Amino acid sequence: MHEISLAEGILAIIERQRREGDFGCVKSVQLEIGQLAGVEVEALLFGMKAVFRDTVADGAEIELISVGGQAFCFDCESQVPLAKRGEACPGCGGYRLHVNDGDQMRVKSLEVE
């Protein structure tokens, strides 16, 4: 389950921000997760709850923002929405696609005290 590693990475980002910003605790974490990022959201939320226990982020509210997948199709030379890797271009049916959005996960913001 790589979601535990992702949760640990999120906590590392929070701890780094705490060293730089000197705050007491985290009230909320806003995450952007791309539709093509390969993240199991429920497993990530479970992992964050476990990893955040007894840390500066213990009890923080988690807000998730979903980012849709996008790809460039080399066959029809168009930017197209893509719901799942390996799918054909919705415009021309071609498979020569380059994903250019929706495959990332990032901490967008923290609300702290």
PDB file of N, CA and C in Angstrom:
ATOM      1  N   MET A   1       0.853  -1.180   0.000  1.00  0.00           N
ATOM      2  CA  MET A   1       0.000   0.000   0.000  1.00  0.00           C
ATOM      3  C   MET A   1       0.894   1.237   0.000  1.00  0.00           C
ATOM      4  N   HIS A   2       1.051   1.878  -1.149  1.00  0.00           N
ATOM      5  CA  HIS A   2       1.919   3.044  -1.221  1.00  0.00           C
ATOM      6  C   HIS A   2       1.274   4.295  -0.635  1.00  0.00           C
ATOM      7  N   GLU A   3       0.006   4.244  -0.280  1.00  0.00           N
ATOM      8  CA  GLU A   3      -0.669   5.408   0.285  1.00  0.00           C
ATOM      9  C   GLU A   3      -0.092   5.776   1.650  1.00  0.00           C
ATOM     10  N   ILE A   4       0.424   4.797   2.404  1.00  0.00           N
ATOM     11  CA  ILE A   4       1.080   5.105   3.684  1.00  0.00           C
ATOM     12  C   ILE A   4       2.328   5.947   3.413  1.00  0.00           C
ATOM     13  N   SER A   5       3.094   5.583   2.396  1.00  0.00           N
ATOM     14  CA  SER A   5       4.277   6.375   2.025  1.00  0.00           C
ATOM     15  C   SER A   5       3.863   7.783   1.600  1.00  0.00           C
ATOM     16  N   LEU A   6       2.761   7.899   0.875  1.00  0.00           N
ATOM     17  CA  LEU A   6       2.269   9.218   0.488  1.00  0.00           C
ATOM     18  C   LEU A   6       1.890  10.036   1.720  1.00  0.00           C
ATOM     19  N   ALA A   7       1.215   9.405   2.677  1.00  0.00           N
ATOM     20  CA  ALA A   7       0.834  10.089   3.914  1.00  0.00           C
ATOM     21  C   ALA A   7       2.076  10.549   4.673  1.00  0.00           C
ATOM     22  N   GLU A   8       3.115   9.713   4.706  1.00  0.00           N
ATOM     23  CA  GLU A   8       4.361  10.097   5.369  1.00  0.00           C
ATOM     24  C   GLU A   8       5.018  11.272   4.648  1.00  0.00           C
ATOM     25  N   GLY A   9       4.937  11.291   3.333  1.00  0.00           N
ATOM     26  CA  GLY A   9       5.473  12.416   2.562  1.00  0.00           C
ATOM     27  C   GLY A   9       4.715  13.704   2.838  1.00  0.00           C
ATOM     28  N   ILE A  10       3.402  13.604   2.978  1.00  0.00           N
ATOM     29  CA  ILE A  10       2.589  14.784   3.306  1.00  0.00           C
ATOM     30  C   ILE A  10       2.975  15.312   4.678  1.00  0.00           C
ATOM     31  N   LEU A  11       3.153  14.411   5.643  1.00  0.00           N
ATOM     32  CA  LEU A  11       3.570  14.832   6.982  1.00  0.00           C
ATOM     33  C   LEU A  11       4.951  15.492   6.933  1.00  0.00           C
ATOM     34  N   ALA A  12       5.865  14.977   6.113  1.00  0.00           N
ATOM     35  CA  ALA A  12       7.189  15.585   5.980  1.00  0.00           C
ATOM     36  C   ALA A  12       7.082  17.009   5.445  1.00  0.00           C
ATOM     37  N   ILE A  13       6.178  17.237   4.482  1.00  0.00           N
ATOM     38  CA  ILE A  13       5.946  18.591   3.957  1.00  0.00           C
ATOM     39  C   ILE A  13       5.432  19.497   5.063  1.00  0.00           C
ATOM     40  N   ILE A  14       4.479  18.998   5.851  1.00  0.00           N
ATOM     41  CA  ILE A  14       3.918  19.781   6.955  1.00  0.00           C
ATOM     42  C   ILE A  14       5.008  20.122   7.965  1.00  0.00           C
ATOM     43  N   GLU A  15       5.830  19.154   8.327  1.00  0.00           N
ATOM     44  CA  GLU A  15       6.892  19.398   9.309  1.00  0.00           C
ATOM     45  C   GLU A  15       7.915  20.398   8.788  1.00  0.00           C
ATOM     46  N   ARG A  16       8.235  20.327   7.492  1.00  0.00           N
ATOM     47  CA  ARG A  16       9.160  21.294   6.900  1.00  0.00           C
ATOM     48  C   ARG A  16       8.561  22.705   6.952  1.00  0.00           C
ATOM     49  N   GLN A  17       7.270  22.810   6.647  1.00  0.00           N
ATOM     50  CA  GLN A  17       6.601  24.113   6.709  1.00  0.00           C
ATOM     51  C   GLN A  17       6.561  24.638   8.140  1.00  0.00           C
ATOM     52  N   ARG A  18       6.419  23.742   9.093  1.00  0.00           N
ATOM     53  CA  ARG A  18       6.396  24.165  10.497  1.00  0.00           C
ATOM     54  C   ARG A  18       7.749  24.729  10.906  1.00  0.00           C
ATOM     55  N   ARG A  19       8.826  24.096  10.473  1.00  0.00           N
ATOM     56  CA  ARG A  19      10.165  24.618  10.793  1.00  0.00           C
ATOM     57  C   ARG A  19      10.371  26.003  10.184  1.00  0.00           C
ATOM     58  N   GLU A  20       9.851  26.201   8.987  1.00  0.00           N
ATOM     59  CA  GLU A  20      10.009  27.492   8.307  1.00  0.00           C
ATOM     60  C   GLU A  20       9.030  28.548   8.813  1.00  0.00           C
ATOM     61  N   GLY A  21       7.827  28.127   9.233  1.00  0.00           N
ATOM     62  CA  GLY A  21       6.790  29.079   9.608  1.00  0.00           C
ATOM     63  C   GLY A  21       6.500  29.183  11.084  1.00  0.00           C
ATOM     64  N   ASP A  22       6.997  28.241  11.868  1.00  0.00           N
ATOM     65  CA  ASP A  22       6.841  28.256  13.322  1.00  0.00           C
ATOM     66  C   ASP A  22       5.378  28.429  13.745  1.00  0.00           C
ATOM     67  N   PHE A  23       4.570  27.402  13.524  1.00  0.00           N
ATOM     68  CA  PHE A  23       3.173  27.415  13.946  1.00  0.00           C
ATOM     69  C   PHE A  23       2.939  26.281  14.939  1.00  0.00           C
ATOM     70  N   GLY A  24       1.794  26.337  15.599  1.00  0.00           N
ATOM     71  CA  GLY A  24       1.494  25.366  16.644  1.00  0.00           C
ATOM     72  C   GLY A  24       0.932  24.056  16.124  1.00  0.00           C
ATOM     73  N   CYS A  25      -0.165  24.140  15.381  1.00  0.00           N
ATOM     74  CA  CYS A  25      -0.791  22.910  14.882  1.00  0.00           C
ATOM     75  C   CYS A  25      -1.479  23.173  13.550  1.00  0.00           C
ATOM     76  N   VAL A  26      -1.792  22.086  12.878  1.00  0.00           N
ATOM     77  CA  VAL A  26      -2.465  22.165  11.579  1.00  0.00           C
ATOM     78  C   VAL A  26      -3.951  21.913  11.788  1.00  0.00           C
ATOM     79  N   LYS A  27      -4.780  22.841  11.326  1.00  0.00           N
ATOM     80  CA  LYS A  27      -6.222  22.682  11.424  1.00  0.00           C
ATOM     81  C   LYS A  27      -6.788  21.955  10.211  1.00  0.00           C
ATOM     82  N   SER A  28      -6.232  22.247   9.013  1.00  0.00           N
ATOM     83  CA  SER A  28      -6.717  21.575   7.810  1.00  0.00           C
ATOM     84  C   SER A  28      -5.608  21.480   6.762  1.00  0.00           C
ATOM     85  N   VAL A  29      -5.745  20.456   5.932  1.00  0.00           N
ATOM     86  CA  VAL A  29      -4.819  20.207   4.830  1.00  0.00           C
ATOM     87  C   VAL A  29      -5.665  20.104   3.568  1.00  0.00           C
ATOM     88  N   GLN A  30      -5.298  20.860   2.549  1.00  0.00           N
ATOM     89  CA  GLN A  30      -6.000  20.811   1.266  1.00  0.00           C
ATOM     90  C   GLN A  30      -5.077  20.120   0.260  1.00  0.00           C
ATOM     91  N   LEU A  31      -5.565  19.014  -0.304  1.00  0.00           N
ATOM     92  CA  LEU A  31      -4.792  18.226  -1.260  1.00  0.00           C
ATOM     93  C   LEU A  31      -5.451  18.232  -2.623  1.00  0.00           C
ATOM     94  N   GLU A  32      -4.648  18.367  -3.669  1.00  0.00           N
ATOM     95  CA  GLU A  32      -5.118  18.159  -5.031  1.00  0.00           C
ATOM     96  C   GLU A  32      -4.629  16.785  -5.468  1.00  0.00           C
ATOM     97  N   ILE A  33      -5.568  15.967  -5.936  1.00  0.00           N
ATOM     98  CA  ILE A  33      -5.216  14.622  -6.388  1.00  0.00           C
ATOM     99  C   ILE A  33      -5.771  14.431  -7.792  1.00  0.00           C
ATOM    100  N   GLY A  34      -4.876  14.168  -8.714  1.00  0.00           N
ATOM    101  CA  GLY A  34      -5.266  13.951 -10.100  1.00  0.00           C
ATOM    102  C   GLY A  34      -5.976  12.626 -10.292  1.00  0.00           C
ATOM    103  N   GLN A  35      -6.908  12.618 -11.199  1.00  0.00           N
ATOM    104  CA  GLN A  35      -7.687  11.424 -11.518  1.00  0.00           C
ATOM    105  C   GLN A  35      -6.791  10.300 -12.037  1.00  0.00           C
ATOM    106  N   LEU A  36      -5.645  10.654 -12.611  1.00  0.00           N
ATOM    107  CA  LEU A  36      -4.727   9.666 -13.174  1.00  0.00           C
ATOM    108  C   LEU A  36      -3.513   9.418 -12.270  1.00  0.00           C
ATOM    109  N   ALA A  37      -3.564   9.891 -11.025  1.00  0.00           N
ATOM    110  CA  ALA A  37      -2.410   9.796 -10.121  1.00  0.00           C
ATOM    111  C   ALA A  37      -2.204   8.395  -9.555  1.00  0.00           C
ATOM    112  N   GLY A  38      -3.204   7.549  -9.652  1.00  0.00           N
ATOM    113  CA  GLY A  38      -3.062   6.193  -9.122  1.00  0.00           C
ATOM    114  C   GLY A  38      -3.135   6.126  -7.607  1.00  0.00           C
ATOM    115  N   VAL A  39      -3.855   7.069  -7.000  1.00  0.00           N
ATOM    116  CA  VAL A  39      -3.990   7.126  -5.550  1.00  0.00           C
ATOM    117  C   VAL A  39      -5.350   6.574  -5.159  1.00  0.00           C
ATOM    118  N   GLU A  40      -5.360   5.617  -4.241  1.00  0.00           N
ATOM    119  CA  GLU A  40      -6.602   5.095  -3.664  1.00  0.00           C
ATOM    120  C   GLU A  40      -6.968   6.041  -2.517  1.00  0.00           C
ATOM    121  N   VAL A  41      -7.950   6.886  -2.736  1.00  0.00           N
ATOM    122  CA  VAL A  41      -8.274   7.972  -1.818  1.00  0.00           C
ATOM    123  C   VAL A  41      -8.623   7.467  -0.423  1.00  0.00           C
ATOM    124  N   GLU A  42      -9.465   6.457  -0.323  1.00  0.00           N
ATOM    125  CA  GLU A  42      -9.849   5.951   0.998  1.00  0.00           C
ATOM    126  C   GLU A  42      -8.635   5.411   1.767  1.00  0.00           C
ATOM    127  N   ALA A  43      -7.737   4.731   1.069  1.00  0.00           N
ATOM    128  CA  ALA A  43      -6.523   4.213   1.709  1.00  0.00           C
ATOM    129  C   ALA A  43      -5.626   5.367   2.144  1.00  0.00           C
ATOM    130  N   LEU A  44      -5.550   6.423   1.333  1.00  0.00           N
ATOM    131  CA  LEU A  44      -4.746   7.595   1.698  1.00  0.00           C
ATOM    132  C   LEU A  44      -5.308   8.258   2.947  1.00  0.00           C
ATOM    133  N   LEU A  45      -6.622   8.448   2.994  1.00  0.00           N
ATOM    134  CA  LEU A  45      -7.245   9.067   4.174  1.00  0.00           C
ATOM    135  C   LEU A  45      -6.998   8.233   5.423  1.00  0.00           C
ATOM    136  N   PHE A  46      -7.123   6.922   5.305  1.00  0.00           N
ATOM    137  CA  PHE A  46      -6.833   6.024   6.427  1.00  0.00           C
ATOM    138  C   PHE A  46      -5.371   6.165   6.849  1.00  0.00           C
ATOM    139  N   GLY A  47      -4.468   6.172   5.873  1.00  0.00           N
ATOM    140  CA  GLY A  47      -3.040   6.300   6.161  1.00  0.00           C
ATOM    141  C   GLY A  47      -2.700   7.626   6.810  1.00  0.00           C
ATOM    142  N   MET A  48      -3.325   8.701   6.348  1.00  0.00           N
ATOM    143  CA  MET A  48      -3.066  10.017   6.936  1.00  0.00           C
ATOM    144  C   MET A  48      -3.528  10.065   8.386  1.00  0.00           C
ATOM    145  N   LYS A  49      -4.659   9.461   8.660  1.00  0.00           N
ATOM    146  CA  LYS A  49      -5.158   9.441  10.043  1.00  0.00           C
ATOM    147  C   LYS A  49      -4.161   8.714  10.950  1.00  0.00           C
ATOM    148  N   ALA A  50      -3.628   7.596  10.476  1.00  0.00           N
ATOM    149  CA  ALA A  50      -2.660   6.824  11.262  1.00  0.00           C
ATOM    150  C   ALA A  50      -1.322   7.557  11.398  1.00  0.00           C
ATOM    151  N   VAL A  51      -0.813   8.078  10.297  1.00  0.00           N
ATOM    152  CA  VAL A  51       0.496   8.737  10.294  1.00  0.00           C
ATOM    153  C   VAL A  51       0.460  10.062  11.065  1.00  0.00           C
ATOM    154  N   PHE A  52      -0.649  10.779  10.996  1.00  0.00           N
ATOM    155  CA  PHE A  52      -0.764  12.074  11.659  1.00  0.00           C
ATOM    156  C   PHE A  52      -0.967  11.965  13.169  1.00  0.00           C
ATOM    157  N   ARG A  53      -1.307  10.781  13.663  1.00  0.00           N
ATOM    158  CA  ARG A  53      -1.578  10.601  15.091  1.00  0.00           C
ATOM    159  C   ARG A  53      -0.380  11.061  15.925  1.00  0.00           C
ATOM    160  N   ASP A  54      -0.656  11.858  16.946  1.00  0.00           N
ATOM    161  CA  ASP A  54       0.346  12.380  17.889  1.00  0.00           C
ATOM    162  C   ASP A  54       1.395  13.265  17.211  1.00  0.00           C
ATOM    163  N   THR A  55       0.994  13.951  16.135  1.00  0.00           N
ATOM    164  CA  THR A  55       1.879  14.905  15.469  1.00  0.00           C
ATOM    165  C   THR A  55       1.189  16.265  15.451  1.00  0.00           C
ATOM    166  N   VAL A  56       1.845  17.229  14.864  1.00  0.00           N
ATOM    167  CA  VAL A  56       1.297  18.573  14.722  1.00  0.00           C
ATOM    168  C   VAL A  56       0.026  18.578  13.872  1.00  0.00           C
ATOM    169  N   ALA A  57      -0.183  17.533  13.074  1.00  0.00           N
ATOM    170  CA  ALA A  57      -1.351  17.453  12.194  1.00  0.00           C
ATOM    171  C   ALA A  57      -2.442  16.529  12.724  1.00  0.00           C
ATOM    172  N   ASP A  58      -2.301  16.045  13.948  1.00  0.00           N
ATOM    173  CA  ASP A  58      -3.297  15.139  14.520  1.00  0.00           C
ATOM    174  C   ASP A  58      -4.656  15.832  14.559  1.00  0.00           C
ATOM    175  N   GLY A  59      -5.658  15.206  13.970  1.00  0.00           N
ATOM    176  CA  GLY A  59      -7.015  15.741  13.961  1.00  0.00           C
ATOM    177  C   GLY A  59      -7.288  16.775  12.884  1.00  0.00           C
ATOM    178  N   ALA A  60      -6.331  17.034  12.010  1.00  0.00           N
ATOM    179  CA  ALA A  60      -6.534  18.029  10.947  1.00  0.00           C
ATOM    180  C   ALA A  60      -7.624  17.568   9.991  1.00  0.00           C
ATOM    181  N   GLU A  61      -8.419  18.511   9.550  1.00  0.00           N
ATOM    182  CA  GLU A  61      -9.439  18.227   8.534  1.00  0.00           C
ATOM    183  C   GLU A  61      -8.727  18.081   7.182  1.00  0.00           C
ATOM    184  N   ILE A  62      -9.150  17.094   6.414  1.00  0.00           N
ATOM    185  CA  ILE A  62      -8.550  16.848   5.102  1.00  0.00           C
ATOM    186  C   ILE A  62      -9.565  17.219   4.024  1.00  0.00           C
ATOM    187  N   GLU A  63      -9.175  18.131   3.139  1.00  0.00           N
ATOM    188  CA  GLU A  63     -10.028  18.523   2.018  1.00  0.00           C
ATOM    189  C   GLU A  63      -9.363  18.043   0.733  1.00  0.00           C
ATOM    190  N   LEU A  64     -10.114  17.299  -0.067  1.00  0.00           N
ATOM    191  CA  LEU A  64      -9.587  16.765  -1.318  1.00  0.00           C
ATOM    192  C   LEU A  64     -10.189  17.504  -2.505  1.00  0.00           C
ATOM    193  N   ILE A  65      -9.325  17.865  -3.442  1.00  0.00           N
ATOM    194  CA  ILE A  65      -9.748  18.501  -4.687  1.00  0.00           C
ATOM    195  C   ILE A  65      -9.330  17.566  -5.811  1.00  0.00           C
ATOM    196  N   SER A  66     -10.304  17.116  -6.588  1.00  0.00           N
ATOM    197  CA  SER A  66     -10.021  16.207  -7.693  1.00  0.00           C
ATOM    198  C   SER A  66      -9.661  16.999  -8.950  1.00  0.00           C
ATOM    199  N   VAL A  67      -8.596  16.559  -9.628  1.00  0.00           N
ATOM    200  CA  VAL A  67      -8.157  17.188 -10.863  1.00  0.00           C
ATOM    201  C   VAL A  67      -8.364  16.178 -11.985  1.00  0.00           C
ATOM    202  N   GLY A  68      -9.117  16.568 -12.988  1.00  0.00           N
ATOM    203  CA  GLY A  68      -9.403  15.672 -14.110  1.00  0.00           C
ATOM    204  C   GLY A  68      -8.177  15.401 -14.968  1.00  0.00           C
ATOM    205  N   GLY A  69      -8.167  14.251 -15.592  1.00  0.00           N
ATOM    206  CA  GLY A  69      -7.071  13.880 -16.468  1.00  0.00           C
ATOM    207  C   GLY A  69      -7.159  14.578 -17.820  1.00  0.00           C
ATOM    208  N   GLN A  70      -6.006  14.947 -18.352  1.00  0.00           N
ATOM    209  CA  GLN A  70      -5.911  15.583 -19.661  1.00  0.00           C
ATOM    210  C   GLN A  70      -4.739  14.961 -20.414  1.00  0.00           C
ATOM    211  N   ALA A  71      -4.872  14.852 -21.714  1.00  0.00           N
ATOM    212  CA  ALA A  71      -3.790  14.314 -22.536  1.00  0.00           C
ATOM    213  C   ALA A  71      -3.781  15.011 -23.889  1.00  0.00           C
ATOM    214  N   PHE A  72      -2.615  14.973 -24.516  1.00  0.00           N
ATOM    215  CA  PHE A  72      -2.497  15.448 -25.890  1.00  0.00           C
ATOM    216  C   PHE A  72      -2.506  14.225 -26.788  1.00  0.00           C
ATOM    217  N   CYS A  73      -3.370  14.231 -27.788  1.00  0.00           N
ATOM    218  CA  CYS A  73      -3.455  13.134 -28.748  1.00  0.00           C
ATOM    219  C   CYS A  73      -2.622  13.497 -29.972  1.00  0.00           C
ATOM    220  N   PHE A  74      -1.614  12.677 -30.245  1.00  0.00           N
ATOM    221  CA  PHE A  74      -0.754  12.918 -31.402  1.00  0.00           C
ATOM    222  C   PHE A  74      -1.444  12.562 -32.719  1.00  0.00           C
ATOM    223  N   ASP A  75      -2.474  11.721 -32.654  1.00  0.00           N
ATOM    224  CA  ASP A  75      -3.187  11.339 -33.877  1.00  0.00           C
ATOM    225  C   ASP A  75      -4.074  12.468 -34.399  1.00  0.00           C
ATOM    226  N   CYS A  76      -4.852  13.085 -33.511  1.00  0.00           N
ATOM    227  CA  CYS A  76      -5.741  14.167 -33.963  1.00  0.00           C
ATOM    228  C   CYS A  76      -5.233  15.550 -33.546  1.00  0.00           C
ATOM    229  N   GLU A  77      -4.057  15.567 -32.911  1.00  0.00           N
ATOM    230  CA  GLU A  77      -3.411  16.812 -32.495  1.00  0.00           C
ATOM    231  C   GLU A  77      -4.341  17.694 -31.672  1.00  0.00           C
ATOM    232  N   SER A  78      -4.971  17.059 -30.668  1.00  0.00           N
ATOM    233  CA  SER A  78      -5.914  17.767 -29.804  1.00  0.00           C
ATOM    234  C   SER A  78      -5.623  17.491 -28.341  1.00  0.00           C
ATOM    235  N   GLN A  79      -5.993  18.457 -27.518  1.00  0.00           N
ATOM    236  CA  GLN A  79      -5.992  18.286 -26.065  1.00  0.00           C
ATOM    237  C   GLN A  79      -7.328  17.634 -25.712  1.00  0.00           C
ATOM    238  N   VAL A  80      -7.295  16.491 -24.995  1.00  0.00           N
ATOM    239  CA  VAL A  80      -8.533  15.761 -24.728  1.00  0.00           C
ATOM    240  C   VAL A  80      -8.628  15.377 -23.264  1.00  0.00           C
ATOM    241  N   PRO A  81      -9.852  15.264 -22.731  1.00  0.00           N
ATOM    242  CA  PRO A  81     -10.013  14.744 -21.372  1.00  0.00           C
ATOM    243  C   PRO A  81      -9.723  13.247 -21.364  1.00  0.00           C
ATOM    244  N   LEU A  82      -9.158  12.764 -20.275  1.00  0.00           N
ATOM    245  CA  LEU A  82      -8.830  11.348 -20.165  1.00  0.00           C
ATOM    246  C   LEU A  82      -9.181  10.875 -18.757  1.00  0.00           C
ATOM    247  N   ALA A  83     -10.128   9.948 -18.656  1.00  0.00           N
ATOM    248  CA  ALA A  83     -10.584   9.475 -17.354  1.00  0.00           C
ATOM    249  C   ALA A  83      -9.702   8.365 -16.792  1.00  0.00           C
ATOM    250  N   LYS A  84      -9.024   7.621 -17.672  1.00  0.00           N
ATOM    251  CA  LYS A  84      -8.258   6.463 -17.229  1.00  0.00           C
ATOM    252  C   LYS A  84      -7.109   6.221 -18.201  1.00  0.00           C
ATOM    253  N   ARG A  85      -5.945   5.886 -17.649  1.00  0.00           N
ATOM    254  CA  ARG A  85      -4.802   5.554 -18.503  1.00  0.00           C
ATOM    255  C   ARG A  85      -5.137   4.336 -19.363  1.00  0.00           C
ATOM    256  N   GLY A  86      -4.654   4.333 -20.583  1.00  0.00           N
ATOM    257  CA  GLY A  86      -4.882   3.207 -21.474  1.00  0.00           C
ATOM    258  C   GLY A  86      -6.135   3.319 -22.321  1.00  0.00           C
ATOM    259  N   GLU A  87      -6.962   4.330 -22.052  1.00  0.00           N
ATOM    260  CA  GLU A  87      -8.160   4.530 -22.857  1.00  0.00           C
ATOM    261  C   GLU A  87      -7.791   5.201 -24.171  1.00  0.00           C
ATOM    262  N   ALA A  88      -8.641   5.029 -25.150  1.00  0.00           N
ATOM    263  CA  ALA A  88      -8.463   5.669 -26.451  1.00  0.00           C
ATOM    264  C   ALA A  88      -8.854   7.139 -26.375  1.00  0.00           C
ATOM    265  N   CYS A  89      -8.365   7.891 -27.316  1.00  0.00           N
ATOM    266  CA  CYS A  89      -8.747   9.300 -27.447  1.00  0.00           C
ATOM    267  C   CYS A  89     -10.260   9.374 -27.667  1.00  0.00           C
ATOM    268  N   PRO A  90     -10.960  10.198 -26.900  1.00  0.00           N
ATOM    269  CA  PRO A  90     -12.410  10.309 -27.102  1.00  0.00           C
ATOM    270  C   PRO A  90     -12.774  10.999 -28.419  1.00  0.00           C
ATOM    271  N   GLY A  91     -11.823  11.671 -29.036  1.00  0.00           N
ATOM    272  CA  GLY A  91     -12.107  12.358 -30.289  1.00  0.00           C
ATOM    273  C   GLY A  91     -11.917  11.490 -31.522  1.00  0.00           C
ATOM    274  N   CYS A  92     -10.783  10.759 -31.577  1.00  0.00           N
ATOM    275  CA  CYS A  92     -10.479  10.021 -32.803  1.00  0.00           C
ATOM    276  C   CYS A  92     -10.291   8.520 -32.597  1.00  0.00           C
ATOM    277  N   GLY A  93     -10.246   8.083 -31.344  1.00  0.00           N
ATOM    278  CA  GLY A  93     -10.059   6.662 -31.069  1.00  0.00           C
ATOM    279  C   GLY A  93      -8.606   6.214 -31.072  1.00  0.00           C
ATOM    280  N   GLY A  94      -7.685   7.141 -31.292  1.00  0.00           N
ATOM    281  CA  GLY A  94      -6.262   6.809 -31.294  1.00  0.00           C
ATOM    282  C   GLY A  94      -5.711   6.554 -29.900  1.00  0.00           C
ATOM    283  N   TYR A  95      -4.540   5.915 -29.847  1.00  0.00           N
ATOM    284  CA  TYR A  95      -3.916   5.580 -28.563  1.00  0.00           C
ATOM    285  C   TYR A  95      -2.580   6.281 -28.341  1.00  0.00           C
ATOM    286  N   ARG A  96      -2.205   7.175 -29.250  1.00  0.00           N
ATOM    287  CA  ARG A  96      -0.939   7.880 -29.082  1.00  0.00           C
ATOM    288  C   ARG A  96      -1.194   9.143 -28.257  1.00  0.00           C
ATOM    289  N   LEU A  97      -1.326   8.928 -26.935  1.00  0.00           N
ATOM    290  CA  LEU A  97      -1.674  10.000 -26.013  1.00  0.00           C
ATOM    291  C   LEU A  97      -0.516  10.279 -25.064  1.00  0.00           C
ATOM    292  N   HIS A  98      -0.338  11.545 -24.753  1.00  0.00           N
ATOM    293  CA  HIS A  98       0.647  11.964 -23.760  1.00  0.00           C
ATOM    294  C   HIS A  98      -0.101  12.682 -22.636  1.00  0.00           C
ATOM    295  N   VAL A  99      -0.107  12.082 -21.439  1.00  0.00           N
ATOM    296  CA  VAL A  99      -0.781  12.689 -20.288  1.00  0.00           C
ATOM    297  C   VAL A  99      -0.033  13.956 -19.904  1.00  0.00           C
ATOM    298  N   ASN A 100      -0.765  15.062 -19.748  1.00  0.00           N
ATOM    299  CA  ASN A 100      -0.126  16.306 -19.340  1.00  0.00           C
ATOM    300  C   ASN A 100      -0.827  17.001 -18.179  1.00  0.00           C
ATOM    301  N   ASP A 101      -1.837  16.369 -17.602  1.00  0.00           N
ATOM    302  CA  ASP A 101      -2.459  16.893 -16.386  1.00  0.00           C
ATOM    303  C   ASP A 101      -3.290  15.793 -15.746  1.00  0.00           C
ATOM    304  N   GLY A 102      -3.442  15.905 -14.437  1.00  0.00           N
ATOM    305  CA  GLY A 102      -4.263  14.946 -13.709  1.00  0.00           C
ATOM    306  C   GLY A 102      -3.503  13.744 -13.206  1.00  0.00           C
ATOM    307  N   ASP A 103      -2.168  13.758 -13.300  1.00  0.00           N
ATOM    308  CA  ASP A 103      -1.380  12.625 -12.802  1.00  0.00           C
ATOM    309  C   ASP A 103      -0.554  13.010 -11.575  1.00  0.00           C
ATOM    310  N   GLN A 104      -0.890  14.149 -10.960  1.00  0.00           N
ATOM    311  CA  GLN A 104      -0.123  14.650  -9.831  1.00  0.00           C
ATOM    312  C   GLN A 104      -0.929  14.613  -8.533  1.00  0.00           C
ATOM    313  N   MET A 105      -0.211  14.727  -7.444  1.00  0.00           N
ATOM    314  CA  MET A 105      -0.809  14.936  -6.134  1.00  0.00           C
ATOM    315  C   MET A 105       0.040  15.989  -5.448  1.00  0.00           C
ATOM    316  N   ARG A 106      -0.607  16.979  -4.835  1.00  0.00           N
ATOM    317  CA  ARG A 106       0.164  18.012  -4.150  1.00  0.00           C
ATOM    318  C   ARG A 106      -0.602  18.586  -2.977  1.00  0.00           C
ATOM    319  N   VAL A 107       0.151  19.055  -2.000  1.00  0.00           N
ATOM    320  CA  VAL A 107      -0.437  19.784  -0.882  1.00  0.00           C
ATOM    321  C   VAL A 107      -0.662  21.197  -1.392  1.00  0.00           C
ATOM    322  N   LYS A 108      -1.924  21.586  -1.493  1.00  0.00           N
ATOM    323  CA  LYS A 108      -2.258  22.907  -2.024  1.00  0.00           C
ATOM    324  C   LYS A 108      -2.177  23.969  -0.955  1.00  0.00           C
ATOM    325  N   SER A 109      -2.688  23.666   0.251  1.00  0.00           N
ATOM    326  CA  SER A 109      -2.635  24.657   1.328  1.00  0.00           C
ATOM    327  C   SER A 109      -2.767  23.995   2.692  1.00  0.00           C
ATOM    328  N   LEU A 110      -2.324  24.719   3.685  1.00  0.00           N
ATOM    329  CA  LEU A 110      -2.452  24.308   5.082  1.00  0.00           C
ATOM    330  C   LEU A 110      -3.100  25.456   5.846  1.00  0.00           C
ATOM    331  N   GLU A 111      -4.024  25.119   6.734  1.00  0.00           N
ATOM    332  CA  GLU A 111      -4.556  26.105   7.663  1.00  0.00           C
ATOM    333  C   GLU A 111      -3.950  25.763   9.016  1.00  0.00           C
ATOM    334  N   VAL A 112      -3.262  26.729   9.612  1.00  0.00           N
ATOM    335  CA  VAL A 112      -2.520  26.465  10.847  1.00  0.00           C
ATOM    336  C   VAL A 112      -2.893  27.440  11.930  1.00  0.00           C
ATOM    337  N   GLU A 113      -2.518  27.088  13.152  1.00  0.00           N
ATOM    338  CA  GLU A 113      -2.694  27.994  14.304  1.00  0.00           C
ATOM    339  C   GLU A 113      -1.342  28.308  14.892  1.00  0.00           C
TER     340      GLU A 113
END
